Amino acid sequence: MPKMIVSIDGVVIKEVQLTKDRTSLGRRPYNDIVIDNLAVSGEHAVLQMSGTDVHLEDLNSTNGTYVNGKAVKKQLLQNNDTVEIGKYKIKYVNEAADSGYEKTVVYKAGSAPFAATPAGAATAAVPLTSSSPSGSSAAIKVMTGAAAGREVPLVKVVTTIGKPGVAVAAITKRPHGFVIAHVEGASRPSVNGAAIGAEPVALKNGDMLELAGTEMQFVQH
């Protein structure tokens, strides 16, 4: 199902599934996607869905609508396109063609893996989905580095860990447990010393993970 992931300064603030033929975006509270910012017009743009295709149309907004840095009036969106409205970036994700594991979108936070970040800044682990899975709770515990001892709760369906552009992995909640998969970067994550291949690897309590020089432990409560 297509979705829009809204972020500002690399921090994800909301995610909206596109379930209707017409989804409105703007500053006014009656819009389907509300961005309360003066740079956004009251009725800024509309997303029109036909099958798995989604067209973005600017509604004569004051500041314009941009896709991948170019001003647009109406455009068919492609998977991973970035819509820009003011300082906001809205990532378009269409997983219709994804038949492997749940795909995740990684925002380039620009911070070291699991480094402590100031309030309001992007963190190394960015949950990207709004629905919480049922079942036992789990977390990734950082064992080495400046953030040693920190736990990253796996409360969302997909959680990304690592440093964008260097090494990123996605941990996905499935009905029968958690799996970890390589997303990007030349350095692949490892589980108990074995590098992850093309397929996701199932995780069990106590598994030791290594990613970009940081050691972690998968724990289930």
N, C-alpha and C. Protein backbone atom coordinates (compact mmCIF):
# COMPACT_ATOMS: atom_id res chain seq x y z
N MET A 1 0.84 -1.19 0.00
CA MET A 1 0.00 0.00 0.00
C MET A 1 0.89 1.25 0.00
N PRO A 2 0.65 2.18 -0.93
CA PRO A 2 1.48 3.39 -0.96
C PRO A 2 1.35 4.19 0.33
N LYS A 3 2.42 4.88 0.70
CA LYS A 3 2.37 5.70 1.90
C LYS A 3 3.30 6.90 1.75
N MET A 4 3.05 7.90 2.56
CA MET A 4 3.85 9.13 2.58
C MET A 4 4.47 9.26 3.97
N ILE A 5 5.79 9.44 4.03
CA ILE A 5 6.49 9.57 5.30
C ILE A 5 7.01 11.00 5.40
N VAL A 6 6.47 11.76 6.34
CA VAL A 6 6.77 13.18 6.47
C VAL A 6 7.91 13.38 7.47
N SER A 7 8.92 14.17 7.06
CA SER A 7 10.03 14.44 7.97
C SER A 7 10.46 15.90 7.83
N ILE A 8 11.14 16.40 8.85
CA ILE A 8 11.74 17.73 8.81
C ILE A 8 13.10 17.62 9.48
N ASP A 9 14.12 18.13 8.82
CA ASP A 9 15.50 18.04 9.31
C ASP A 9 15.90 16.61 9.61
N GLY A 10 15.40 15.66 8.80
CA GLY A 10 15.78 14.26 8.96
C GLY A 10 15.00 13.50 10.02
N VAL A 11 14.09 14.18 10.71
CA VAL A 11 13.32 13.51 11.77
C VAL A 11 11.91 13.19 11.26
N VAL A 12 11.56 11.92 11.31
CA VAL A 12 10.23 11.51 10.85
C VAL A 12 9.18 11.97 11.86
N ILE A 13 8.15 12.68 11.36
CA ILE A 13 7.13 13.19 12.27
C ILE A 13 5.77 12.51 12.08
N LYS A 14 5.53 11.95 10.90
CA LYS A 14 4.28 11.22 10.72
C LYS A 14 4.37 10.36 9.47
N GLU A 15 3.50 9.36 9.43
CA GLU A 15 3.39 8.49 8.26
C GLU A 15 1.92 8.31 7.94
N VAL A 16 1.57 8.43 6.69
CA VAL A 16 0.18 8.33 6.27
C VAL A 16 0.04 7.29 5.16
N GLN A 17 -0.80 6.30 5.39
CA GLN A 17 -1.10 5.32 4.35
C GLN A 17 -2.08 5.94 3.36
N LEU A 18 -1.85 5.73 2.07
CA LEU A 18 -2.76 6.25 1.05
C LEU A 18 -3.82 5.18 0.76
N THR A 19 -4.99 5.36 1.35
CA THR A 19 -6.06 4.37 1.22
C THR A 19 -7.22 4.88 0.39
N LYS A 20 -7.23 6.17 0.07
CA LYS A 20 -8.34 6.76 -0.66
C LYS A 20 -7.92 7.16 -2.07
N ASP A 21 -8.89 7.33 -2.94
CA ASP A 21 -8.59 7.77 -4.30
C ASP A 21 -8.01 9.18 -4.30
N ARG A 22 -8.43 9.99 -3.34
CA ARG A 22 -7.97 11.38 -3.26
C ARG A 22 -7.53 11.70 -1.84
N THR A 23 -6.29 12.10 -1.67
CA THR A 23 -5.74 12.47 -0.37
C THR A 23 -5.23 13.90 -0.44
N SER A 24 -5.80 14.77 0.41
CA SER A 24 -5.42 16.18 0.37
C SER A 24 -4.31 16.47 1.37
N LEU A 25 -3.50 17.47 1.02
CA LEU A 25 -2.37 17.86 1.86
C LEU A 25 -2.37 19.38 1.99
N GLY A 26 -2.25 19.87 3.22
CA GLY A 26 -2.24 21.31 3.42
C GLY A 26 -2.19 21.70 4.88
N ARG A 27 -2.27 23.03 5.14
CA ARG A 27 -2.17 23.53 6.51
C ARG A 27 -3.49 23.43 7.26
N ARG A 28 -4.61 23.52 6.54
CA ARG A 28 -5.92 23.50 7.21
C ARG A 28 -6.20 22.13 7.85
N PRO A 29 -6.87 22.12 9.00
CA PRO A 29 -7.07 20.87 9.76
C PRO A 29 -7.96 19.84 9.06
N TYR A 30 -8.71 20.25 8.04
CA TYR A 30 -9.59 19.27 7.38
C TYR A 30 -8.85 18.45 6.32
N ASN A 31 -7.58 18.74 6.06
CA ASN A 31 -6.82 17.95 5.09
C ASN A 31 -6.51 16.56 5.65
N ASP A 32 -6.30 15.61 4.74
CA ASP A 32 -5.94 14.25 5.16
C ASP A 32 -4.53 14.23 5.75
N ILE A 33 -3.61 15.00 5.13
CA ILE A 33 -2.25 15.15 5.67
C ILE A 33 -2.10 16.62 6.06
N VAL A 34 -2.07 16.88 7.36
CA VAL A 34 -2.01 18.26 7.85
C VAL A 34 -0.57 18.61 8.22
N ILE A 35 -0.04 19.68 7.62
CA ILE A 35 1.27 20.20 7.99
C ILE A 35 1.06 21.64 8.44
N ASP A 36 1.10 21.84 9.74
CA ASP A 36 0.79 23.14 10.33
C ASP A 36 2.01 24.04 10.29
N ASN A 37 2.25 24.64 9.12
CA ASN A 37 3.39 25.51 8.94
C ASN A 37 3.02 26.59 7.94
N LEU A 38 3.46 27.82 8.19
CA LEU A 38 3.05 28.94 7.34
C LEU A 38 3.58 28.83 5.92
N ALA A 39 4.61 28.01 5.70
CA ALA A 39 5.13 27.81 4.35
C ALA A 39 4.21 26.92 3.52
N VAL A 40 3.25 26.27 4.20
CA VAL A 40 2.32 25.35 3.53
C VAL A 40 0.99 26.06 3.34
N SER A 41 0.44 26.02 2.13
CA SER A 41 -0.85 26.64 1.86
C SER A 41 -1.97 25.87 2.54
N GLY A 42 -3.11 26.54 2.74
CA GLY A 42 -4.26 25.90 3.38
C GLY A 42 -4.67 24.63 2.66
N GLU A 43 -4.74 24.70 1.34
CA GLU A 43 -4.96 23.53 0.49
C GLU A 43 -3.80 23.50 -0.49
N HIS A 44 -2.76 22.77 -0.16
CA HIS A 44 -1.49 22.89 -0.88
C HIS A 44 -1.41 21.96 -2.09
N ALA A 45 -1.73 20.68 -1.89
CA ALA A 45 -1.59 19.70 -2.97
C ALA A 45 -2.56 18.55 -2.72
N VAL A 46 -2.71 17.72 -3.75
CA VAL A 46 -3.57 16.56 -3.63
C VAL A 46 -2.88 15.35 -4.26
N LEU A 47 -3.08 14.20 -3.64
CA LEU A 47 -2.55 12.93 -4.14
C LEU A 47 -3.72 12.11 -4.68
N GLN A 48 -3.66 11.75 -5.94
CA GLN A 48 -4.73 11.00 -6.57
C GLN A 48 -4.22 9.61 -6.91
N MET A 49 -4.90 8.59 -6.38
CA MET A 49 -4.46 7.21 -6.56
C MET A 49 -5.35 6.48 -7.56
N SER A 50 -4.71 5.82 -8.51
CA SER A 50 -5.41 5.00 -9.49
C SER A 50 -4.69 3.67 -9.57
N GLY A 51 -5.29 2.61 -8.98
CA GLY A 51 -4.59 1.34 -8.89
C GLY A 51 -3.40 1.49 -7.96
N THR A 52 -2.20 1.19 -8.45
CA THR A 52 -0.98 1.38 -7.64
C THR A 52 -0.26 2.67 -8.00
N ASP A 53 -0.80 3.42 -8.98
CA ASP A 53 -0.19 4.69 -9.39
C ASP A 53 -0.73 5.84 -8.54
N VAL A 54 0.16 6.76 -8.19
CA VAL A 54 -0.23 7.94 -7.42
C VAL A 54 0.29 9.18 -8.13
N HIS A 55 -0.61 10.10 -8.46
CA HIS A 55 -0.25 11.38 -9.05
C HIS A 55 -0.30 12.47 -7.99
N LEU A 56 0.71 13.33 -7.98
CA LEU A 56 0.75 14.49 -7.09
C LEU A 56 0.40 15.73 -7.91
N GLU A 57 -0.53 16.52 -7.41
CA GLU A 57 -0.92 17.74 -8.12
C GLU A 57 -0.87 18.93 -7.16
N ASP A 58 -0.14 19.97 -7.56
CA ASP A 58 -0.07 21.20 -6.78
C ASP A 58 -1.35 22.00 -7.01
N LEU A 59 -1.94 22.52 -5.93
CA LEU A 59 -3.21 23.26 -6.01
C LEU A 59 -2.95 24.77 -6.01
N ASN A 60 -2.09 25.21 -6.94
CA ASN A 60 -1.75 26.63 -7.03
C ASN A 60 -1.29 27.19 -5.69
N SER A 61 -0.43 26.42 -5.01
CA SER A 61 0.05 26.83 -3.69
C SER A 61 0.96 28.05 -3.81
N THR A 62 1.10 28.76 -2.69
CA THR A 62 1.91 29.98 -2.66
C THR A 62 3.39 29.70 -2.89
N ASN A 63 3.91 28.69 -2.23
CA ASN A 63 5.34 28.40 -2.28
C ASN A 63 5.71 27.24 -3.20
N GLY A 64 4.72 26.62 -3.81
CA GLY A 64 5.01 25.56 -4.77
C GLY A 64 5.26 24.20 -4.13
N THR A 65 5.24 23.19 -5.01
CA THR A 65 5.49 21.81 -4.60
C THR A 65 6.64 21.27 -5.44
N TYR A 66 7.59 20.61 -4.80
CA TYR A 66 8.78 20.12 -5.49
C TYR A 66 8.89 18.61 -5.33
N VAL A 67 9.34 17.95 -6.40
CA VAL A 67 9.62 16.52 -6.36
C VAL A 67 11.07 16.32 -6.77
N ASN A 68 11.86 15.76 -5.85
CA ASN A 68 13.30 15.55 -6.08
C ASN A 68 13.98 16.85 -6.53
N GLY A 69 13.57 17.97 -5.91
CA GLY A 69 14.22 19.25 -6.15
C GLY A 69 13.68 20.06 -7.32
N LYS A 70 12.70 19.52 -8.06
CA LYS A 70 12.15 20.22 -9.21
C LYS A 70 10.69 20.59 -8.96
N ALA A 71 10.34 21.85 -9.29
CA ALA A 71 8.97 22.31 -9.11
C ALA A 71 8.05 21.54 -10.07
N VAL A 72 6.89 21.11 -9.57
CA VAL A 72 5.96 20.35 -10.39
C VAL A 72 4.55 20.94 -10.24
N LYS A 73 3.77 20.75 -11.30
CA LYS A 73 2.35 21.07 -11.24
C LYS A 73 1.55 19.78 -11.03
N LYS A 74 1.88 18.76 -11.83
CA LYS A 74 1.28 17.44 -11.67
C LYS A 74 2.28 16.41 -12.14
N GLN A 75 2.45 15.37 -11.34
CA GLN A 75 3.46 14.38 -11.68
C GLN A 75 3.11 13.01 -11.10
N LEU A 76 3.42 11.97 -11.88
CA LEU A 76 3.28 10.61 -11.39
C LEU A 76 4.46 10.31 -10.47
N LEU A 77 4.17 9.90 -9.24
CA LEU A 77 5.23 9.64 -8.27
C LEU A 77 5.83 8.24 -8.47
N GLN A 78 7.13 8.16 -8.31
CA GLN A 78 7.85 6.89 -8.36
C GLN A 78 8.29 6.52 -6.94
N ASN A 79 8.44 5.20 -6.71
CA ASN A 79 8.86 4.74 -5.39
C ASN A 79 10.13 5.47 -4.94
N ASN A 80 10.12 5.97 -3.70
CA ASN A 80 11.24 6.68 -3.06
C ASN A 80 11.41 8.12 -3.55
N ASP A 81 10.46 8.64 -4.34
CA ASP A 81 10.49 10.07 -4.66
C ASP A 81 10.37 10.90 -3.38
N THR A 82 11.01 12.06 -3.37
CA THR A 82 10.92 12.96 -2.23
C THR A 82 10.15 14.22 -2.63
N VAL A 83 9.01 14.43 -1.99
CA VAL A 83 8.21 15.63 -2.21
C VAL A 83 8.67 16.68 -1.18
N GLU A 84 8.95 17.88 -1.66
CA GLU A 84 9.42 18.94 -0.77
C GLU A 84 8.42 20.09 -0.73
N ILE A 85 7.99 20.44 0.47
CA ILE A 85 7.08 21.56 0.69
C ILE A 85 7.66 22.37 1.84
N GLY A 86 8.18 23.55 1.53
CA GLY A 86 8.87 24.32 2.56
C GLY A 86 10.07 23.54 3.06
N LYS A 87 10.21 23.45 4.38
CA LYS A 87 11.32 22.69 4.96
C LYS A 87 10.97 21.21 5.15
N TYR A 88 9.75 20.85 4.78
CA TYR A 88 9.31 19.47 4.99
C TYR A 88 9.66 18.60 3.79
N LYS A 89 10.08 17.39 4.07
CA LYS A 89 10.33 16.39 3.03
C LYS A 89 9.36 15.23 3.25
N ILE A 90 8.70 14.83 2.17
CA ILE A 90 7.71 13.75 2.26
C ILE A 90 8.15 12.65 1.32
N LYS A 91 8.57 11.52 1.89
CA LYS A 91 9.04 10.39 1.10
C LYS A 91 7.85 9.55 0.66
N TYR A 92 7.79 9.31 -0.67
CA TYR A 92 6.73 8.45 -1.21
C TYR A 92 7.25 7.03 -1.30
N VAL A 93 6.55 6.11 -0.67
CA VAL A 93 6.95 4.71 -0.66
C VAL A 93 5.82 3.86 -1.21
N ASN A 94 6.11 3.11 -2.26
CA ASN A 94 5.12 2.20 -2.84
C ASN A 94 5.73 0.81 -2.86
N GLU A 95 5.26 -0.03 -1.95
CA GLU A 95 5.84 -1.37 -1.78
C GLU A 95 5.13 -2.43 -2.62
N ALA A 96 4.30 -2.00 -3.58
CA ALA A 96 3.50 -2.96 -4.35
C ALA A 96 4.37 -3.99 -5.06
N ALA A 97 5.57 -3.56 -5.49
CA ALA A 97 6.43 -4.47 -6.25
C ALA A 97 7.39 -5.24 -5.35
N ASP A 98 7.33 -5.01 -4.07
CA ASP A 98 8.27 -5.65 -3.14
C ASP A 98 7.71 -6.97 -2.68
N SER A 99 8.36 -8.06 -3.05
CA SER A 99 7.85 -9.39 -2.71
C SER A 99 8.74 -10.12 -1.73
N GLY A 100 9.84 -9.49 -1.32
CA GLY A 100 10.74 -10.15 -0.40
C GLY A 100 10.33 -9.91 1.04
N TYR A 101 11.03 -9.04 1.73
CA TYR A 101 10.69 -8.71 3.10
C TYR A 101 10.20 -7.28 3.11
N GLU A 102 9.67 -6.88 4.22
CA GLU A 102 9.13 -5.54 4.33
C GLU A 102 10.22 -4.49 4.07
N LYS A 103 9.92 -3.61 3.13
CA LYS A 103 10.91 -2.60 2.74
C LYS A 103 10.90 -1.45 3.74
N THR A 104 12.05 -0.85 3.93
CA THR A 104 12.12 0.27 4.85
C THR A 104 12.81 1.45 4.17
N VAL A 105 12.49 2.61 4.61
CA VAL A 105 13.09 3.82 4.06
C VAL A 105 14.01 4.40 5.11
N VAL A 106 15.22 4.74 4.71
CA VAL A 106 16.20 5.24 5.65
C VAL A 106 16.45 6.72 5.39
N TYR A 107 16.29 7.52 6.43
CA TYR A 107 16.60 8.95 6.32
C TYR A 107 18.04 9.18 6.74
N LYS A 108 18.72 9.99 5.99
CA LYS A 108 20.13 10.21 6.24
C LYS A 108 20.32 11.18 7.40
N ALA A 109 20.41 10.61 8.60
CA ALA A 109 20.52 11.42 9.80
C ALA A 109 21.89 12.10 9.91
N GLY A 110 22.92 11.45 9.36
CA GLY A 110 24.25 12.04 9.39
C GLY A 110 24.94 11.93 10.74
N SER A 111 24.43 11.08 11.61
CA SER A 111 25.05 10.92 12.92
C SER A 111 25.71 9.55 13.00
N ALA A 112 26.63 9.41 13.94
CA ALA A 112 27.31 8.14 14.11
C ALA A 112 26.31 7.10 14.62
N PRO A 113 26.59 5.81 14.37
CA PRO A 113 25.66 4.79 14.82
C PRO A 113 25.40 4.88 16.32
N PHE A 114 24.14 5.03 16.68
CA PHE A 114 23.69 5.02 18.07
C PHE A 114 24.29 6.15 18.91
N ALA A 115 24.83 7.18 18.26
CA ALA A 115 25.40 8.28 19.03
C ALA A 115 24.30 9.04 19.75
N ALA A 116 24.62 9.57 20.90
CA ALA A 116 23.64 10.38 21.62
C ALA A 116 23.34 11.62 20.81
N THR A 117 22.08 11.96 20.67
CA THR A 117 21.70 13.10 19.84
C THR A 117 20.90 14.08 20.68
N PRO A 118 21.00 15.38 20.38
CA PRO A 118 20.25 16.38 21.13
C PRO A 118 18.76 16.27 20.86
N ALA A 119 17.96 16.86 21.73
CA ALA A 119 16.51 16.80 21.57
C ALA A 119 16.12 17.38 20.23
N GLY A 120 15.25 16.66 19.55
CA GLY A 120 14.76 17.13 18.26
C GLY A 120 15.61 16.68 17.09
N ALA A 121 16.79 16.11 17.34
CA ALA A 121 17.64 15.67 16.24
C ALA A 121 17.28 14.24 15.87
N ALA A 122 17.74 13.82 14.70
CA ALA A 122 17.45 12.46 14.24
C ALA A 122 18.26 11.47 15.06
N THR A 123 17.67 10.36 15.38
CA THR A 123 18.36 9.30 16.10
C THR A 123 18.81 8.24 15.12
N ALA A 124 19.66 7.34 15.61
CA ALA A 124 20.21 6.32 14.73
C ALA A 124 19.16 5.28 14.37
N ALA A 125 18.22 5.05 15.26
CA ALA A 125 17.18 4.07 14.97
C ALA A 125 15.87 4.82 14.77
N VAL A 126 15.32 4.72 13.57
CA VAL A 126 14.14 5.51 13.24
C VAL A 126 12.97 4.59 12.92
N PRO A 127 12.00 4.45 13.83
CA PRO A 127 10.82 3.66 13.51
C PRO A 127 10.04 4.36 12.39
N LEU A 128 9.60 3.59 11.40
CA LEU A 128 8.98 4.20 10.24
C LEU A 128 7.52 3.83 10.06
N THR A 129 7.00 2.99 10.92
CA THR A 129 5.61 2.62 10.76
C THR A 129 4.82 3.00 11.99
N SER A 130 3.52 3.22 11.80
CA SER A 130 2.71 3.75 12.89
C SER A 130 1.97 2.66 13.67
N SER A 131 1.92 1.46 13.15
CA SER A 131 1.18 0.40 13.83
C SER A 131 2.12 -0.45 14.66
N SER A 132 1.75 -0.71 15.89
CA SER A 132 2.58 -1.51 16.78
C SER A 132 2.18 -2.97 16.68
N PRO A 133 3.14 -3.88 16.57
CA PRO A 133 2.82 -5.30 16.48
C PRO A 133 2.42 -5.85 17.84
N SER A 134 1.73 -6.94 17.81
CA SER A 134 1.37 -7.62 19.06
C SER A 134 2.43 -8.65 19.38
N GLY A 135 2.36 -9.22 20.56
CA GLY A 135 3.31 -10.24 20.94
C GLY A 135 4.32 -9.71 21.94
N SER A 136 5.40 -10.52 22.17
CA SER A 136 6.38 -10.16 23.17
C SER A 136 7.18 -8.95 22.72
N SER A 137 7.66 -8.18 23.71
CA SER A 137 8.45 -7.01 23.39
C SER A 137 9.90 -7.40 23.19
N ALA A 138 10.61 -6.58 22.43
CA ALA A 138 12.02 -6.86 22.15
C ALA A 138 12.76 -5.55 22.02
N ALA A 139 14.09 -5.63 22.07
CA ALA A 139 14.92 -4.44 21.97
C ALA A 139 16.30 -4.82 21.47
N ILE A 140 17.02 -3.82 20.99
CA ILE A 140 18.42 -3.98 20.64
C ILE A 140 19.23 -3.24 21.69
N LYS A 141 20.13 -3.94 22.36
CA LYS A 141 20.97 -3.33 23.39
C LYS A 141 22.36 -3.08 22.83
N VAL A 142 22.80 -1.83 22.90
CA VAL A 142 24.12 -1.47 22.39
C VAL A 142 25.18 -1.90 23.41
N MET A 143 26.19 -2.65 22.93
CA MET A 143 27.19 -3.21 23.83
C MET A 143 28.51 -2.43 23.82
N THR A 144 28.80 -1.73 22.70
CA THR A 144 30.08 -1.02 22.60
C THR A 144 29.86 0.41 22.13
N GLY A 145 30.91 1.22 22.27
CA GLY A 145 30.84 2.60 21.79
C GLY A 145 30.30 3.56 22.82
N ALA A 146 30.10 4.81 22.39
CA ALA A 146 29.68 5.87 23.29
C ALA A 146 28.30 5.62 23.88
N ALA A 147 27.46 4.87 23.15
CA ALA A 147 26.09 4.63 23.62
C ALA A 147 25.94 3.26 24.26
N ALA A 148 27.02 2.66 24.70
CA ALA A 148 26.96 1.33 25.33
C ALA A 148 25.96 1.32 26.48
N GLY A 149 25.12 0.31 26.52
CA GLY A 149 24.12 0.18 27.56
C GLY A 149 22.75 0.68 27.14
N ARG A 150 22.70 1.46 26.05
CA ARG A 150 21.42 1.99 25.58
C ARG A 150 20.62 0.89 24.92
N GLU A 151 19.32 0.90 25.15
CA GLU A 151 18.42 -0.05 24.50
C GLU A 151 17.53 0.68 23.51
N VAL A 152 17.40 0.12 22.32
CA VAL A 152 16.51 0.65 21.29
C VAL A 152 15.30 -0.28 21.22
N PRO A 153 14.14 0.14 21.75
CA PRO A 153 12.97 -0.73 21.74
C PRO A 153 12.49 -1.00 20.31
N LEU A 154 12.13 -2.24 20.04
CA LEU A 154 11.59 -2.61 18.72
C LEU A 154 10.06 -2.60 18.82
N VAL A 155 9.50 -1.39 18.90
CA VAL A 155 8.06 -1.25 19.13
C VAL A 155 7.28 -1.08 17.84
N LYS A 156 7.96 -0.87 16.73
CA LYS A 156 7.28 -0.69 15.45
C LYS A 156 7.48 -1.92 14.58
N VAL A 157 6.77 -1.96 13.48
CA VAL A 157 6.90 -3.10 12.57
C VAL A 157 8.29 -3.15 11.96
N VAL A 158 8.82 -1.99 11.58
CA VAL A 158 10.17 -1.92 11.00
C VAL A 158 10.99 -0.86 11.73
N THR A 159 12.19 -1.23 12.17
CA THR A 159 13.11 -0.30 12.79
C THR A 159 14.43 -0.37 12.05
N THR A 160 14.99 0.78 11.68
CA THR A 160 16.29 0.78 11.02
C THR A 160 17.37 1.17 12.02
N ILE A 161 18.54 0.53 11.87
CA ILE A 161 19.67 0.81 12.74
C ILE A 161 20.90 1.03 11.88
N GLY A 162 21.87 1.79 12.42
CA GLY A 162 23.12 1.98 11.71
C GLY A 162 23.32 3.41 11.27
N LYS A 163 24.27 3.60 10.36
CA LYS A 163 24.62 4.92 9.85
C LYS A 163 24.33 4.97 8.36
N PRO A 164 23.34 5.76 7.93
CA PRO A 164 23.02 5.85 6.50
C PRO A 164 24.25 6.19 5.66
N GLY A 165 24.40 5.51 4.53
CA GLY A 165 25.53 5.72 3.65
C GLY A 165 26.73 4.86 4.00
N VAL A 166 26.75 4.29 5.20
CA VAL A 166 27.86 3.44 5.64
C VAL A 166 27.39 2.00 5.79
N ALA A 167 26.43 1.80 6.68
CA ALA A 167 25.87 0.47 6.91
C ALA A 167 24.53 0.62 7.61
N VAL A 168 23.49 0.09 7.00
CA VAL A 168 22.15 0.17 7.58
C VAL A 168 21.48 -1.20 7.52
N ALA A 169 20.83 -1.57 8.61
CA ALA A 169 20.07 -2.82 8.65
C ALA A 169 18.65 -2.51 9.08
N ALA A 170 17.72 -3.38 8.71
CA ALA A 170 16.32 -3.23 9.09
C ALA A 170 15.90 -4.45 9.90
N ILE A 171 15.30 -4.20 11.06
CA ILE A 171 14.76 -5.28 11.89
C ILE A 171 13.24 -5.22 11.77
N THR A 172 12.66 -6.31 11.30
CA THR A 172 11.23 -6.36 10.98
C THR A 172 10.51 -7.34 11.88
N LYS A 173 9.36 -6.90 12.42
CA LYS A 173 8.51 -7.78 13.24
C LYS A 173 7.61 -8.58 12.32
N ARG A 174 7.71 -9.90 12.42
CA ARG A 174 6.85 -10.79 11.65
C ARG A 174 5.98 -11.57 12.63
N PRO A 175 4.93 -12.24 12.12
CA PRO A 175 4.02 -12.96 13.03
C PRO A 175 4.73 -13.95 13.94
N HIS A 176 5.84 -14.53 13.47
CA HIS A 176 6.51 -15.56 14.26
C HIS A 176 7.82 -15.09 14.88
N GLY A 177 8.04 -13.78 14.89
CA GLY A 177 9.25 -13.27 15.51
C GLY A 177 9.89 -12.16 14.69
N PHE A 178 11.16 -11.85 15.01
CA PHE A 178 11.86 -10.75 14.36
C PHE A 178 12.90 -11.28 13.38
N VAL A 179 13.12 -10.53 12.30
CA VAL A 179 14.19 -10.86 11.36
C VAL A 179 15.00 -9.60 11.12
N ILE A 180 16.27 -9.78 10.74
CA ILE A 180 17.13 -8.66 10.40
C ILE A 180 17.60 -8.81 8.97
N ALA A 181 17.68 -7.70 8.23
CA ALA A 181 18.10 -7.74 6.84
C ALA A 181 19.01 -6.56 6.54
N HIS A 182 19.91 -6.77 5.59
CA HIS A 182 20.81 -5.71 5.13
C HIS A 182 20.03 -4.75 4.23
N VAL A 183 20.18 -3.44 4.44
CA VAL A 183 19.49 -2.43 3.64
C VAL A 183 20.44 -1.74 2.69
N GLU A 184 21.53 -1.16 3.22
CA GLU A 184 22.48 -0.47 2.37
C GLU A 184 23.84 -0.42 3.03
N GLY A 185 24.86 -0.10 2.23
CA GLY A 185 26.21 0.01 2.73
C GLY A 185 27.07 -1.18 2.35
N ALA A 186 28.36 -0.94 2.19
CA ALA A 186 29.28 -2.01 1.82
C ALA A 186 29.51 -2.98 2.96
N SER A 187 29.40 -2.48 4.18
CA SER A 187 29.60 -3.32 5.36
C SER A 187 28.28 -3.97 5.75
N ARG A 188 28.23 -5.28 5.66
CA ARG A 188 27.00 -6.00 6.00
C ARG A 188 26.95 -6.32 7.50
N PRO A 189 25.76 -6.27 8.08
CA PRO A 189 25.64 -6.66 9.49
C PRO A 189 25.90 -8.15 9.66
N SER A 190 26.28 -8.54 10.85
CA SER A 190 26.50 -9.96 11.14
C SER A 190 25.69 -10.37 12.36
N VAL A 191 25.31 -11.64 12.39
CA VAL A 191 24.59 -12.24 13.51
C VAL A 191 25.44 -13.38 14.05
N ASN A 192 25.87 -13.24 15.31
CA ASN A 192 26.73 -14.24 15.94
C ASN A 192 27.96 -14.53 15.09
N GLY A 193 28.52 -13.47 14.50
CA GLY A 193 29.75 -13.60 13.73
C GLY A 193 29.58 -13.95 12.27
N ALA A 194 28.36 -14.27 11.83
CA ALA A 194 28.11 -14.65 10.44
C ALA A 194 27.45 -13.49 9.70
N ALA A 195 28.06 -13.06 8.59
CA ALA A 195 27.52 -11.93 7.83
C ALA A 195 26.18 -12.29 7.21
N ILE A 196 25.27 -11.32 7.18
CA ILE A 196 23.95 -11.53 6.59
C ILE A 196 24.07 -11.50 5.07
N GLY A 197 23.38 -12.44 4.41
CA GLY A 197 23.39 -12.50 2.96
C GLY A 197 22.23 -11.71 2.38
N ALA A 198 21.70 -12.22 1.26
CA ALA A 198 20.61 -11.53 0.58
C ALA A 198 19.27 -11.71 1.28
N GLU A 199 19.13 -12.78 2.05
CA GLU A 199 17.86 -13.08 2.71
C GLU A 199 17.87 -12.62 4.17
N PRO A 200 16.70 -12.22 4.70
CA PRO A 200 16.62 -11.85 6.12
C PRO A 200 16.97 -13.04 7.02
N VAL A 201 17.51 -12.73 8.19
CA VAL A 201 17.91 -13.76 9.15
C VAL A 201 17.03 -13.64 10.40
N ALA A 202 16.47 -14.76 10.84
CA ALA A 202 15.63 -14.77 12.03
C ALA A 202 16.48 -14.52 13.27
N LEU A 203 15.92 -13.75 14.21
CA LEU A 203 16.63 -13.43 15.45
C LEU A 203 16.03 -14.18 16.63
N LYS A 204 16.89 -14.58 17.56
CA LYS A 204 16.43 -15.20 18.80
C LYS A 204 17.08 -14.50 19.98
N ASN A 205 16.46 -14.61 21.12
CA ASN A 205 16.93 -13.92 22.32
C ASN A 205 18.40 -14.20 22.59
N GLY A 206 19.17 -13.13 22.77
CA GLY A 206 20.59 -13.28 23.09
C GLY A 206 21.52 -13.22 21.90
N ASP A 207 20.97 -13.17 20.67
CA ASP A 207 21.83 -13.09 19.49
C ASP A 207 22.70 -11.85 19.54
N MET A 208 23.96 -12.00 19.13
CA MET A 208 24.90 -10.87 19.09
C MET A 208 24.95 -10.34 17.66
N LEU A 209 24.77 -9.03 17.52
CA LEU A 209 24.80 -8.38 16.22
C LEU A 209 26.00 -7.44 16.15
N GLU A 210 26.50 -7.26 14.92
CA GLU A 210 27.59 -6.29 14.70
C GLU A 210 27.28 -5.51 13.44
N LEU A 211 27.37 -4.19 13.53
CA LEU A 211 27.06 -3.33 12.39
C LEU A 211 27.95 -2.10 12.45
N ALA A 212 28.75 -1.90 11.41
CA ALA A 212 29.62 -0.73 11.31
C ALA A 212 30.50 -0.55 12.55
N GLY A 213 31.01 -1.66 13.07
CA GLY A 213 31.90 -1.60 14.21
C GLY A 213 31.23 -1.52 15.55
N THR A 214 29.89 -1.47 15.57
CA THR A 214 29.14 -1.42 16.83
C THR A 214 28.55 -2.80 17.13
N GLU A 215 28.78 -3.29 18.34
CA GLU A 215 28.23 -4.57 18.76
C GLU A 215 26.93 -4.35 19.52
N MET A 216 25.95 -5.18 19.23
CA MET A 216 24.64 -5.08 19.86
C MET A 216 24.15 -6.47 20.23
N GLN A 217 23.14 -6.50 21.07
CA GLN A 217 22.51 -7.77 21.44
C GLN A 217 21.01 -7.65 21.28
N PHE A 218 20.41 -8.68 20.66
CA PHE A 218 18.97 -8.74 20.51
C PHE A 218 18.39 -9.40 21.76
N VAL A 219 17.48 -8.70 22.43
CA VAL A 219 16.88 -9.24 23.66
C VAL A 219 15.36 -9.20 23.57
N GLN A 220 14.74 -10.27 23.99
CA GLN A 220 13.29 -10.34 24.08
C GLN A 220 12.89 -10.45 25.53
N HIS A 221 11.84 -9.71 25.91
CA HIS A 221 11.40 -9.67 27.30
C HIS A 221 10.17 -10.53 27.50
